[in-house]
C-alpha atoms as a PDB file:
ATOM      1  CA  MET A   1      46.187  29.011 -52.457  1.00  0.00           C
ATOM      2  CA  SER A   2      48.073  25.929 -51.377  1.00  0.00           C
ATOM      3  CA  LYS A   3      51.636  26.245 -50.207  1.00  0.00           C
ATOM      4  CA  ALA A   4      54.128  23.460 -50.823  1.00  0.00           C
ATOM      5  CA  SER A   5      57.640  23.091 -49.432  1.00  0.00           C
ATOM      6  CA  THR A   6      58.921  19.910 -51.021  1.00  0.00           C
ATOM      7  CA  SER A   7      62.752  20.038 -51.122  1.00  0.00           C
ATOM      8  CA  GLY A   8      62.870  20.109 -54.891  1.00  0.00           C
ATOM      9  CA  LEU A   9      60.235  17.385 -55.330  1.00  0.00           C
ATOM     10  CA  ALA A  10      58.588  17.560 -58.755  1.00  0.00           C
ATOM     11  CA  GLU A  11      54.922  18.582 -58.810  1.00  0.00           C
ATOM     12  CA  LEU A  12      52.379  17.037 -61.177  1.00  0.00           C
ATOM     13  CA  TRP A  13      48.643  17.587 -61.578  1.00  0.00           C
ATOM     14  CA  LEU A  14      46.018  15.089 -62.674  1.00  0.00           C
ATOM     15  CA  GLY A  15      43.376  16.332 -65.043  1.00  0.00           C
ATOM     16  CA  VAL A  16      39.653  15.769 -64.822  1.00  0.00           C
ATOM     17  CA  GLU A  17      37.189  15.537 -67.720  1.00  0.00           C
ATOM     18  CA  GLU A  18      35.844  18.899 -68.816  1.00  0.00           C
ATOM     19  CA  SER A  19      32.291  17.559 -68.796  1.00  0.00           C
ATOM     20  CA  LEU A  20      32.596  16.898 -65.074  1.00  0.00           C
ATOM     21  CA  LEU A  21      33.940  20.378 -64.433  1.00  0.00           C
ATOM     22  CA  ARG A  22      30.935  21.910 -66.153  1.00  0.00           C
ATOM     23  CA  ASP A  23      28.625  20.507 -63.488  1.00  0.00           C
ATOM     24  CA  ALA A  24      27.991  23.553 -61.293  1.00  0.00           C
ATOM     25  CA  LEU A  25      26.718  21.379 -58.431  1.00  0.00           C
ATOM     26  CA  VAL A  26      30.112  19.731 -57.907  1.00  0.00           C
ATOM     27  CA  ILE A  27      33.235  21.476 -56.715  1.00  0.00           C
ATOM     28  CA  TRP A  28      36.540  19.883 -57.597  1.00  0.00           C
ATOM     29  CA  ARG A  29      39.564  20.525 -55.410  1.00  0.00           C
ATOM     30  CA  TYR A  30      43.128  19.285 -55.521  1.00  0.00           C
ATOM     31  CA  ARG A  31      44.288  16.974 -52.758  1.00  0.00           C
ATOM     32  CA  PRO A  32      47.980  16.166 -52.245  1.00  0.00           C
ATOM     33  CA  ALA A  33      49.258  12.667 -52.948  1.00  0.00           C
ATOM     34  CA  LEU A  34      52.594  11.084 -53.715  1.00  0.00           C
ATOM     35  CA  LEU A  35      53.632   9.318 -56.893  1.00  0.00           C
ATOM     36  CA  PHE A  36      56.564   6.894 -56.859  1.00  0.00           C
ATOM     37  CA  GLU A  37      57.729   5.330 -60.109  1.00  0.00           C
ATOM     38  CA  CYS A  38      59.666   2.124 -59.515  1.00  0.00           C
ATOM     39  CA  LEU A  39      61.590  -0.558 -61.338  1.00  0.00           C
ATOM     40  CA  LEU A  40      60.898  -3.943 -59.754  1.00  0.00           C
ATOM     41  CA  GLU A  41      63.229  -6.854 -60.425  1.00  0.00           C
ATOM     42  CA  PHE A  42      62.012 -10.342 -59.546  1.00  0.00           C
ATOM     43  CA  ARG A  43      64.791 -12.898 -59.172  1.00  0.00           C
ATOM     44  CA  ASP A  44      64.626 -16.588 -58.376  1.00  0.00           C
ATOM     45  CA  PRO A  45      67.632 -18.880 -59.026  1.00  0.00           C
ATOM     46  CA  ARG A  46      65.568 -22.077 -58.750  1.00  0.00           C
ATOM     47  CA  ALA A  47      63.122 -20.921 -61.404  1.00  0.00           C
ATOM     48  CA  GLU A  48      65.964 -19.341 -63.398  1.00  0.00           C
ATOM     49  CA  LEU A  49      63.938 -16.157 -63.409  1.00  0.00           C
ATOM     50  CA  VAL A  50      65.112 -12.582 -63.846  1.00  0.00           C
ATOM     51  CA  HIS A  51      62.215 -10.313 -64.719  1.00  0.00           C
ATOM     52  CA  SER A  52      61.822  -6.537 -64.452  1.00  0.00           C
ATOM     53  CA  GLU A  53      58.653  -4.446 -64.461  1.00  0.00           C
ATOM     54  CA  ASP A  54      57.948  -0.732 -64.367  1.00  0.00           C
ATOM     55  CA  ARG A  55      55.343   0.126 -61.750  1.00  0.00           C
ATOM     56  CA  ARG A  56      53.705   3.311 -60.471  1.00  0.00           C
ATOM     57  CA  TYR A  57      52.358   3.643 -56.938  1.00  0.00           C
ATOM     58  CA  THR A  58      50.308   6.440 -55.430  1.00  0.00           C
ATOM     59  CA  THR A  59      49.230   7.189 -51.885  1.00  0.00           C
ATOM     60  CA  TRP A  60      47.538  10.089 -50.159  1.00  0.00           C
ATOM     61  CA  LEU A  61      49.984  12.358 -48.428  1.00  0.00           C
ATOM     62  CA  PRO A  62      49.810  11.384 -44.739  1.00  0.00           C
ATOM     63  CA  ARG A  63      49.076  14.019 -42.157  1.00  0.00           C
ATOM     64  CA  ASP A  64      51.811  15.116 -39.784  1.00  0.00           C
ATOM     65  CA  GLU A  65      54.018  12.142 -38.840  1.00  0.00           C
ATOM     66  CA  ALA A  66      51.565   9.370 -39.742  1.00  0.00           C
ATOM     67  CA  ALA A  67      52.832   6.491 -41.861  1.00  0.00           C
ATOM     68  CA  ALA A  68      51.863   6.426 -45.514  1.00  0.00           C
ATOM     69  CA  ASP A  69      49.234   3.809 -46.315  1.00  0.00           C
ATOM     70  CA  TRP A  70      50.488   2.346 -49.596  1.00  0.00           C
ATOM     71  CA  SER A  71      47.808  -0.338 -49.517  1.00  0.00           C
ATOM     72  CA  VAL A  72      45.216   2.304 -50.472  1.00  0.00           C
ATOM     73  CA  PRO A  73      46.136   3.993 -53.771  1.00  0.00           C
ATOM     74  CA  ALA A  74      45.267   7.624 -54.271  1.00  0.00           C
ATOM     75  CA  VAL A  75      44.584   6.883 -57.941  1.00  0.00           C
ATOM     76  CA  ASP A  76      43.101   3.508 -58.827  1.00  0.00           C
ATOM     77  CA  GLU A  77      44.100   3.542 -62.490  1.00  0.00           C
ATOM     78  CA  PHE A  78      46.971   5.913 -63.050  1.00  0.00           C
ATOM     79  CA  THR A  79      47.586   6.789 -66.703  1.00  0.00           C
ATOM     80  CA  PRO A  80      50.316   9.197 -67.865  1.00  0.00           C
ATOM     81  CA  GLU A  81      47.845  10.766 -70.311  1.00  0.00           C
ATOM     82  CA  ARG A  82      46.023  12.385 -67.386  1.00  0.00           C
ATOM     83  CA  VAL A  83      49.150  14.087 -66.045  1.00  0.00           C
ATOM     84  CA  ARG A  84      49.469  17.848 -66.466  1.00  0.00           C
ATOM     85  CA  MET A  85      52.438  20.080 -65.779  1.00  0.00           C
ATOM     86  CA  ALA A  86      50.253  22.855 -64.329  1.00  0.00           C
ATOM     87  CA  PRO A  87      46.952  23.082 -62.434  1.00  0.00           C
ATOM     88  CA  GLN A  88      43.809  22.633 -64.516  1.00  0.00           C
ATOM     89  CA  PRO A  89      41.559  25.688 -64.693  1.00  0.00           C
ATOM     90  CA  GLY A  90      38.330  25.057 -62.880  1.00  0.00           C
ATOM     91  CA  VAL A  91      39.862  22.845 -60.198  1.00  0.00           C
ATOM     92  CA  HIS A  92      40.216  24.624 -56.860  1.00  0.00           C
ATOM     93  CA  PRO A  93      43.583  24.613 -55.111  1.00  0.00           C
ATOM     94  CA  TYR A  94      44.381  22.788 -51.902  1.00  0.00           C
ATOM     95  CA  GLU A  95      43.746  25.043 -48.909  1.00  0.00           C
ATOM     96  CA  GLY A  96      46.347  23.539 -46.587  1.00  0.00           C
ATOM     97  CA  ILE A  97      50.106  23.600 -46.417  1.00  0.00           C
ATOM     98  CA  VAL A  98      52.329  20.796 -47.672  1.00  0.00           C
ATOM     99  CA  ALA A  99      55.751  20.529 -46.053  1.00  0.00           C
ATOM    100  CA  LEU A 100      57.997  17.638 -47.025  1.00  0.00           C
ATOM    101  CA  THR A 101      61.602  17.289 -45.963  1.00  0.00           C
ATOM    102  CA  GLU A 102      64.060  14.882 -47.514  1.00  0.00           C
ATOM    103  CA  ALA A 103      64.053  12.868 -44.286  1.00  0.00           C
ATOM    104  CA  ARG A 104      60.242  12.605 -44.408  1.00  0.00           C
ATOM    105  CA  LEU A 105      60.386  11.486 -48.042  1.00  0.00           C
ATOM    106  CA  GLU A 106      62.949   8.842 -47.182  1.00  0.00           C
ATOM    107  CA  GLU A 107      60.660   7.585 -44.427  1.00  0.00           C
ATOM    108  CA  ILE A 108      57.708   7.354 -46.816  1.00  0.00           C
ATOM    109  CA  GLU A 109      59.915   5.629 -49.395  1.00  0.00           C
ATOM    110  CA  ASN A 110      60.953   3.038 -46.823  1.00  0.00           C
ATOM    111  CA  ASP A 111      57.274   2.460 -46.053  1.00  0.00           C
ATOM    112  CA  LEU A 112      56.696   1.771 -49.747  1.00  0.00           C
ATOM    113  CA  ILE A 113      59.615  -0.664 -49.980  1.00  0.00           C
ATOM    114  CA  ALA A 114      58.368  -2.556 -46.931  1.00  0.00           C
ATOM    115  CA  HIS A 115      54.860  -2.676 -48.440  1.00  0.00           C
ATOM    116  CA  LEU A 116      56.164  -4.021 -51.775  1.00  0.00           C
ATOM    117  CA  VAL A 117      58.256  -6.696 -50.092  1.00  0.00           C
ATOM    118  CA  ARG A 118      55.167  -7.844 -48.187  1.00  0.00           C
ATOM    119  CA  SER A 119      52.649  -7.685 -51.000  1.00  0.00           C
ATOM    120  CA  GLU A 120      54.168  -7.902 -54.484  1.00  0.00           C
ATOM    121  CA  ARG A 121      54.458 -11.402 -55.912  1.00  0.00           C
ATOM    122  CA  LEU A 122      55.131 -12.803 -59.339  1.00  0.00           C
ATOM    123  CA  VAL A 123      53.233 -16.101 -59.559  1.00  0.00           C
ATOM    124  CA  LEU A 124      54.646 -18.926 -61.657  1.00  0.00           C
ATOM    125  CA  TYR A 125      53.655 -22.594 -61.918  1.00  0.00           C
ATOM    126  CA  TYR A 126      55.709 -25.438 -60.526  1.00  0.00           C
ATOM    127  CA  ASN A 127      55.836 -29.189 -61.058  1.00  0.00           C
ATOM    128  CA  PRO A 128      57.351 -30.670 -57.870  1.00  0.00           C
ATOM    129  CA  ASN A 129      58.044 -34.099 -59.371  1.00  0.00           C
ATOM    130  CA  LEU A 130      60.124 -32.825 -62.255  1.00  0.00           C
ATOM    131  CA  ARG A 131      61.238 -29.615 -60.524  1.00  0.00           C
ATOM    132  CA  LEU A 132      60.122 -27.587 -63.522  1.00  0.00           C
ATOM    133  CA  TYR A 133      58.990 -23.965 -63.314  1.00  0.00           C
ATOM    134  CA  SER A 134      56.916 -21.999 -65.769  1.00  0.00           C
ATOM    135  CA  ARG A 135      58.396 -19.078 -67.598  1.00  0.00           C
ATOM    136  CA  TRP A 136      57.220 -15.520 -67.055  1.00  0.00           C
ATOM    137  CA  ASN A 137      53.871 -14.925 -68.750  1.00  0.00           C
ATOM    138  CA  GLU A 138      53.469 -18.624 -69.581  1.00  0.00           C
ATOM    139  CA  SER A 139      49.887 -19.791 -69.053  1.00  0.00           C
ATOM    140  CA  ARG A 140      49.029 -22.862 -67.002  1.00  0.00           C
ATOM    141  CA  GLU A 141      47.958 -24.722 -70.139  1.00  0.00           C
ATOM    142  CA  GLU A 142      51.195 -23.851 -71.942  1.00  0.00           C
ATOM    143  CA  PHE A 143      53.225 -24.932 -68.920  1.00  0.00           C
ATOM    144  CA  LEU A 144      51.417 -28.282 -68.656  1.00  0.00           C
ATOM    145  CA  GLU A 145      52.028 -28.926 -72.348  1.00  0.00           C
ATOM    146  CA  ARG A 146      55.735 -28.242 -71.848  1.00  0.00           C
ATOM    147  CA  VAL A 147      55.811 -30.535 -68.817  1.00  0.00           C
ATOM    148  CA  VAL A 148      54.225 -33.349 -70.828  1.00  0.00           C
ATOM    149  CA  GLU A 149      56.869 -32.878 -73.515  1.00  0.00           C
ATOM    150  CA  GLU A 150      59.582 -33.046 -70.887  1.00  0.00           C
ATOM    151  CA  VAL A 151      58.089 -36.201 -69.357  1.00  0.00           C
ATOM    152  CA  ARG A 152      57.827 -37.734 -72.803  1.00  0.00           C
ATOM    153  CA  GLU A 153      61.497 -37.078 -73.485  1.00  0.00           C
ATOM    154  CA  ARG A 154      62.542 -38.521 -70.130  1.00  0.00           C
ATOM    155  CA  LEU A 155      60.340 -41.575 -70.548  1.00  0.00           C
ATOM    156  CA  HIS A 156      61.378 -42.241 -74.132  1.00  0.00           C
ATOM    157  CA  PRO A 157      64.495 -44.368 -73.334  1.00  0.00           C
ATOM    158  CA  THR A 158      62.607 -46.476 -70.779  1.00  0.00           C
ATOM    159  CA  LEU A 159      59.737 -47.239 -73.147  1.00  0.00           C
ATOM    160  CA  LYS A 160      62.114 -47.996 -75.985  1.00  0.00           C
ATOM    161  CA  GLU A 161      64.036 -50.394 -73.764  1.00  0.00           C
ATOM    162  CA  LEU A 162      60.790 -52.097 -72.743  1.00  0.00           C
ATOM    163  CA  LEU A 163      59.804 -52.532 -76.384  1.00  0.00           C
ATOM    164  CA  ARG A 164      63.265 -53.797 -77.278  1.00  0.00           C
ATOM    165  CA  GLU A 165      63.177 -56.347 -74.452  1.00  0.00           C
ATOM    166  CA  PHE A 166      59.773 -57.579 -75.582  1.00  0.00           C
ATOM    167  CA  GLN A 167      60.796 -57.704 -79.243  1.00  0.00           C
ATOM    168  CA  LEU A 168      63.844 -59.817 -78.370  1.00  0.00           C
ATOM    169  CA  GLN A 169      61.593 -62.366 -76.700  1.00  0.00           C
ATOM    170  CA  LEU A 170      59.309 -62.366 -79.716  1.00  0.00           C
ATOM    171  CA  GLU A 171      62.263 -62.857 -82.034  1.00  0.00           C
ATOM    172  CA  GLN A 172      63.278 -65.909 -80.042  1.00  0.00           C
ATOM    173  CA  LEU A 173      59.802 -67.310 -80.624  1.00  0.00           C
ATOM    174  CA  ARG A 174      60.108 -66.563 -84.327  1.00  0.00           C
ATOM    175  CA  GLN A 175      63.347 -68.500 -84.526  1.00  0.00           C
ATOM    176  CA  LYS A 176      62.035 -71.414 -82.502  1.00  0.00           C
ATOM    177  CA  PRO A 177      61.287 -74.382 -84.849  1.00  0.00           C
ATOM    178  CA  LEU A 178      57.933 -76.082 -85.020  1.00  0.00           C
ATOM    179  CA  PRO A 179      57.503 -79.323 -83.053  1.00  0.00           C
ATOM    180  CA  ARG A 180      58.920 -82.396 -84.836  1.00  0.00           C
ATOM    181  CA  ASP A 181      55.586 -84.181 -84.858  1.00  0.00           C
ATOM    182  CA  VAL A 182      54.012 -81.544 -87.129  1.00  0.00           C
ATOM    183  CA  PRO A 183      53.472 -83.125 -90.578  1.00  0.00           C
ATOM    184  CA  GLU A 184      55.720 -81.809 -93.327  1.00  0.00           C
ATOM    185  CA  GLU A 185      52.808 -80.756 -95.506  1.00  0.00           C
ATOM    186  CA  LEU A 186      51.498 -78.433 -92.716  1.00  0.00           C
ATOM    187  CA  ARG A 187      54.803 -76.817 -91.755  1.00  0.00           C
ATOM    188  CA  ALA A 188      54.893 -74.039 -94.354  1.00  0.00           C
ATOM    189  CA  GLY A 189      51.343 -72.880 -93.631  1.00  0.00           C
ATOM    190  CA  LEU A 190      51.781 -73.099 -89.855  1.00  0.00           C
ATOM    191  CA  ASP A 191      55.057 -71.179 -90.020  1.00  0.00           C
ATOM    192  CA  VAL A 192      53.343 -68.294 -91.875  1.00  0.00           C
ATOM    193  CA  LEU A 193      50.472 -68.354 -89.388  1.00  0.00           C
ATOM    194  CA  ARG A 194      52.891 -68.425 -86.452  1.00  0.00           C
ATOM    195  CA  ARG A 195      54.713 -65.336 -87.711  1.00  0.00           C
ATOM    196  CA  ARG A 196      51.405 -63.506 -88.152  1.00  0.00           C
ATOM    197  CA  MET A 197      50.427 -64.334 -84.579  1.00  0.00           C
ATOM    198  CA  ILE A 198      53.727 -62.986 -83.257  1.00  0.00           C
ATOM    199  CA  SER A 199      53.516 -59.831 -85.370  1.00  0.00           C
ATOM    200  CA  ARG A 200      49.947 -59.242 -84.225  1.00  0.00           C
ATOM    201  CA  VAL A 201      50.897 -59.371 -80.555  1.00  0.00           C
ATOM    202  CA  GLU A 202      53.882 -57.118 -81.195  1.00  0.00           C
ATOM    203  CA  ALA A 203      51.606 -54.598 -82.879  1.00  0.00           C
ATOM    204  CA  GLN A 204      49.178 -54.750 -79.949  1.00  0.00           C
ATOM    205  CA  LEU A 205      51.924 -53.794 -77.529  1.00  0.00           C
ATOM    206  CA  GLN A 206      53.093 -50.992 -79.816  1.00  0.00           C
ATOM    207  CA  ARG A 207      49.570 -49.598 -79.749  1.00  0.00           C
ATOM    208  CA  THR A 208      49.453 -49.907 -75.949  1.00  0.00           C
ATOM    209  CA  VAL A 209      52.630 -47.850 -75.612  1.00  0.00           C
ATOM    210  CA  LEU A 210      52.662 -45.583 -78.653  1.00  0.00           C
ATOM    211  CA  ASP A 211      49.000 -44.529 -78.685  1.00  0.00           C
ATOM    212  CA  HIS A 212      49.206 -43.265 -75.096  1.00  0.00           C
ATOM    213  CA  PRO A 213      49.270 -39.431 -74.765  1.00  0.00           C
ATOM    214  CA  LEU A 214      52.844 -39.689 -73.502  1.00  0.00           C
ATOM    215  CA  GLY A 215      53.927 -42.284 -76.013  1.00  0.00           C
ATOM    216  CA  THR A 216      53.044 -40.628 -79.306  1.00  0.00           C
ATOM    217  CA  ALA A 217      56.579 -39.331 -79.739  1.00  0.00           C
ATOM    218  CA  LEU A 218      57.777 -42.932 -80.155  1.00  0.00           C
ATOM    219  CA  ARG A 219      55.625 -43.559 -83.198  1.00  0.00           C
ATOM    220  CA  SER A 220      57.300 -43.535 -86.611  1.00  0.00           C
ATOM    221  CA  VAL A 221      55.993 -43.973 -90.124  1.00  0.00           C
ATOM    222  CA  GLU A 222      57.430 -47.492 -90.214  1.00  0.00           C
ATOM    223  CA  ALA A 223      55.696 -48.402 -86.966  1.00  0.00           C
ATOM    224  CA  GLU A 224      52.372 -47.151 -88.354  1.00  0.00           C
ATOM    225  CA  GLU A 225      52.793 -49.320 -91.482  1.00  0.00           C
ATOM    226  CA  ASP A 226      53.819 -52.404 -89.522  1.00  0.00           C
ATOM    227  CA  LEU A 227      50.892 -51.928 -87.149  1.00  0.00           C
ATOM    228  CA  SER A 228      48.319 -51.653 -89.931  1.00  0.00           C
ATOM    229  CA  GLU A 229      49.647 -54.785 -91.658  1.00  0.00           C
ATOM    230  CA  ALA A 230      50.078 -56.900 -88.541  1.00  0.00           C
ATOM    231  CA  SER A 231      46.946 -56.208 -86.525  1.00  0.00           C
ATOM    232  CA  THR A 232      44.600 -58.732 -88.177  1.00  0.00           C
ATOM    233  CA  ALA A 233      43.198 -61.294 -85.757  1.00  0.00           C
ATOM    234  CA  VAL A 234      44.300 -64.893 -86.477  1.00  0.00           C
ATOM    235  CA  GLU A 235      42.704 -68.043 -85.108  1.00  0.00           C
ATOM    236  CA  ALA A 236      45.310 -70.393 -83.630  1.00  0.00           C
ATOM    237  CA  PRO A 237      45.071 -74.067 -84.638  1.00  0.00           C
ATOM    238  CA  GLU A 238      45.737 -76.816 -82.104  1.00  0.00           C
ATOM    239  CA  GLU A 239      49.406 -77.109 -83.108  1.00  0.00           C
ATOM    240  CA  LEU A 240      49.986 -73.424 -82.209  1.00  0.00           C
ATOM    241  CA  GLN A 241      47.993 -73.280 -78.969  1.00  0.00           C
ATOM    242  CA  PRO A 242      51.168 -73.404 -76.798  1.00  0.00           C
ATOM    243  CA  LEU A 243      52.541 -70.460 -78.778  1.00  0.00           C
ATOM    244  CA  ALA A 244      49.293 -68.525 -78.355  1.00  0.00           C
ATOM    245  CA  GLN A 245      49.421 -69.006 -74.585  1.00  0.00           C
ATOM    246  CA  GLU A 246      53.055 -67.912 -74.438  1.00  0.00           C
ATOM    247  CA  LEU A 247      52.292 -64.803 -76.514  1.00  0.00           C
ATOM    248  CA  GLU A 248      49.387 -63.905 -74.254  1.00  0.00           C
ATOM    249  CA  ARG A 249      51.580 -64.247 -71.185  1.00  0.00           C
ATOM    250  CA  LEU A 250      54.352 -62.082 -72.662  1.00  0.00           C
ATOM    251  CA  TYR A 251      51.924 -59.430 -73.847  1.00  0.00           C
ATOM    252  CA  GLU A 252      50.112 -59.123 -70.528  1.00  0.00           C
ATOM    253  CA  ALA A 253      53.389 -58.816 -68.627  1.00  0.00           C
ATOM    254  CA  ALA A 254      54.862 -56.227 -70.990  1.00  0.00           C
ATOM    255  CA  ALA A 255      51.585 -54.281 -71.296  1.00  0.00           C
ATOM    256  CA  ALA A 256      51.212 -54.121 -67.519  1.00  0.00           C
ATOM    257  CA  ARG A 257      54.729 -52.698 -67.158  1.00  0.00           C
ATOM    258  CA  ALA A 258      54.163 -50.167 -69.925  1.00  0.00           C
ATOM    259  CA  GLN A 259      50.822 -49.008 -68.543  1.00  0.00           C
ATOM    260  CA  THR A 260      52.315 -48.602 -65.068  1.00  0.00           C
ATOM    261  CA  LEU A 261      55.153 -46.466 -66.434  1.00  0.00           C
ATOM    262  CA  LEU A 262      52.826 -44.361 -68.554  1.00  0.00           C
ATOM    263  CA  ARG A 263      50.214 -43.900 -65.830  1.00  0.00           C
ATOM    264  CA  GLU A 264      52.798 -42.788 -63.270  1.00  0.00           C
ATOM    265  CA  ALA A 265      54.438 -40.445 -65.780  1.00  0.00           C
ATOM    266  CA  LEU A 266      51.129 -38.850 -66.703  1.00  0.00           C
ATOM    267  CA  GLU A 267      50.203 -38.366 -63.050  1.00  0.00           C
ATOM    268  CA  HIS A 268      53.546 -36.677 -62.439  1.00  0.00           C
ATOM    269  CA  ALA A 269      53.101 -34.473 -65.498  1.00  0.00           C
ATOM    270  CA  ARG A 270      49.660 -33.260 -64.372  1.00  0.00           C
ATOM    271  CA  GLU A 271      50.843 -31.935 -61.009  1.00  0.00           C
ATOM    272  CA  CYS A 272      50.926 -28.146 -61.072  1.00  0.00           C
ATOM    273  CA  GLU A 273      51.274 -25.821 -58.098  1.00  0.00           C
ATOM    274  CA  PRO A 274      51.430 -22.019 -57.901  1.00  0.00           C
ATOM    275  CA  TYR A 275      54.904 -20.746 -57.103  1.00  0.00           C
ATOM    276  CA  ALA A 276      55.188 -17.181 -55.800  1.00  0.00           C
ATOM    277  CA  VAL A 277      58.369 -15.191 -56.365  1.00  0.00           C
ATOM    278  CA  ALA A 278      58.739 -12.465 -53.752  1.00  0.00           C
ATOM    279  CA  LEU A 279      60.576  -9.173 -54.041  1.00  0.00           C
ATOM    280  CA  HIS A 280      63.845  -8.523 -52.276  1.00  0.00           C
ATOM    281  CA  PRO A 281      64.483  -4.967 -51.088  1.00  0.00           C
ATOM    282  CA  ASN A 282      67.526  -4.871 -53.372  1.00  0.00           C
ATOM    283  CA  GLY A 283      65.193  -5.578 -56.304  1.00  0.00           C
ATOM    284  CA  ILE A 284      63.310  -2.297 -55.819  1.00  0.00           C
ATOM    285  CA  ARG A 285      64.663   0.840 -57.447  1.00  0.00           C
ATOM    286  CA  ILE A 286      62.861   4.161 -57.085  1.00  0.00           C
ATOM    287  CA  VAL A 287      63.084   5.915 -60.446  1.00  0.00           C
ATOM    288  CA  ARG A 288      61.125   9.076 -59.674  1.00  0.00           C
ATOM    289  CA  ARG A 289      59.221  10.715 -56.846  1.00  0.00           C
ATOM    290  CA  ALA A 290      56.652  13.441 -57.315  1.00  0.00           C
ATOM    291  CA  LEU A 291      54.039  15.382 -55.415  1.00  0.00           C
ATOM    292  CA  LEU A 292      50.827  14.511 -57.236  1.00  0.00           C
ATOM    293  CA  TRP A 293      47.819  16.820 -57.045  1.00  0.00           C
ATOM    294  CA  VAL A 294      44.670  14.718 -57.445  1.00  0.00           C
ATOM    295  CA  PRO A 295      41.288  16.404 -58.156  1.00  0.00           C
ATOM    296  CA  VAL A 296      38.521  15.133 -55.899  1.00  0.00           C
ATOM    297  CA  PRO A 297      34.875  16.216 -55.743  1.00  0.00           C
ATOM    298  CA  GLU A 298      33.635  17.918 -52.604  1.00  0.00           C
END
């Protein structure tokens, strides 16, 4: 029979499947291990994270004064359903002597805390440009979608200002009268054609900005209607060639600025790095300690 002196430490036994015990060629015997149930609290002010997890750790009881090796679990997949409050019939007892003082338990506990501080990490995602962190249990895809939304919101005022600046220049062209040498009988038709040309270019720029993955939030129902009505190509007669050249110049300048803003914003939104949150010793609370008898085949 095994003898255990454990300073009041609870004793638990793991069960083994009855079908395995019925195999007469295999002898099962209990081997002493330690079970520590912990509450881990991960904290990171930059990520605005406070997250707690219940964990269970097992290790084989070290011999004599050797340090406990918490990197090698005694039980790979510990499940409470396997725990018994008494030895299982058919499993042979440990033949040695287990002696654990409170000081020895404290030493083993400190080994566990040092191991957890070194090894346990909660991995988030981080966008360095926007200084955004993922939430706990948020997937990379979900985080990137949230980053894009954030970039879109931040870029919204800049894109709106760019459109407003361009629209003001177009409005000045709308208000500009036709040259005096244009015959009176052509003025009405040319004025309608001129307005169509201006509206068409305005719609082209709206498509350049609003149809971009980061610009869709700027689209409205009214913009969709205006775009569909104003995007018909119009041939410019000789009298409106100067206007056509001016519209082309304005569009290329505004489109280049918009594309630069959108391209840079999208590049910033796509950056995603892993961000590891480490444990602090103060974030580790030992909830329960127990001597765990683990059945192993001989």
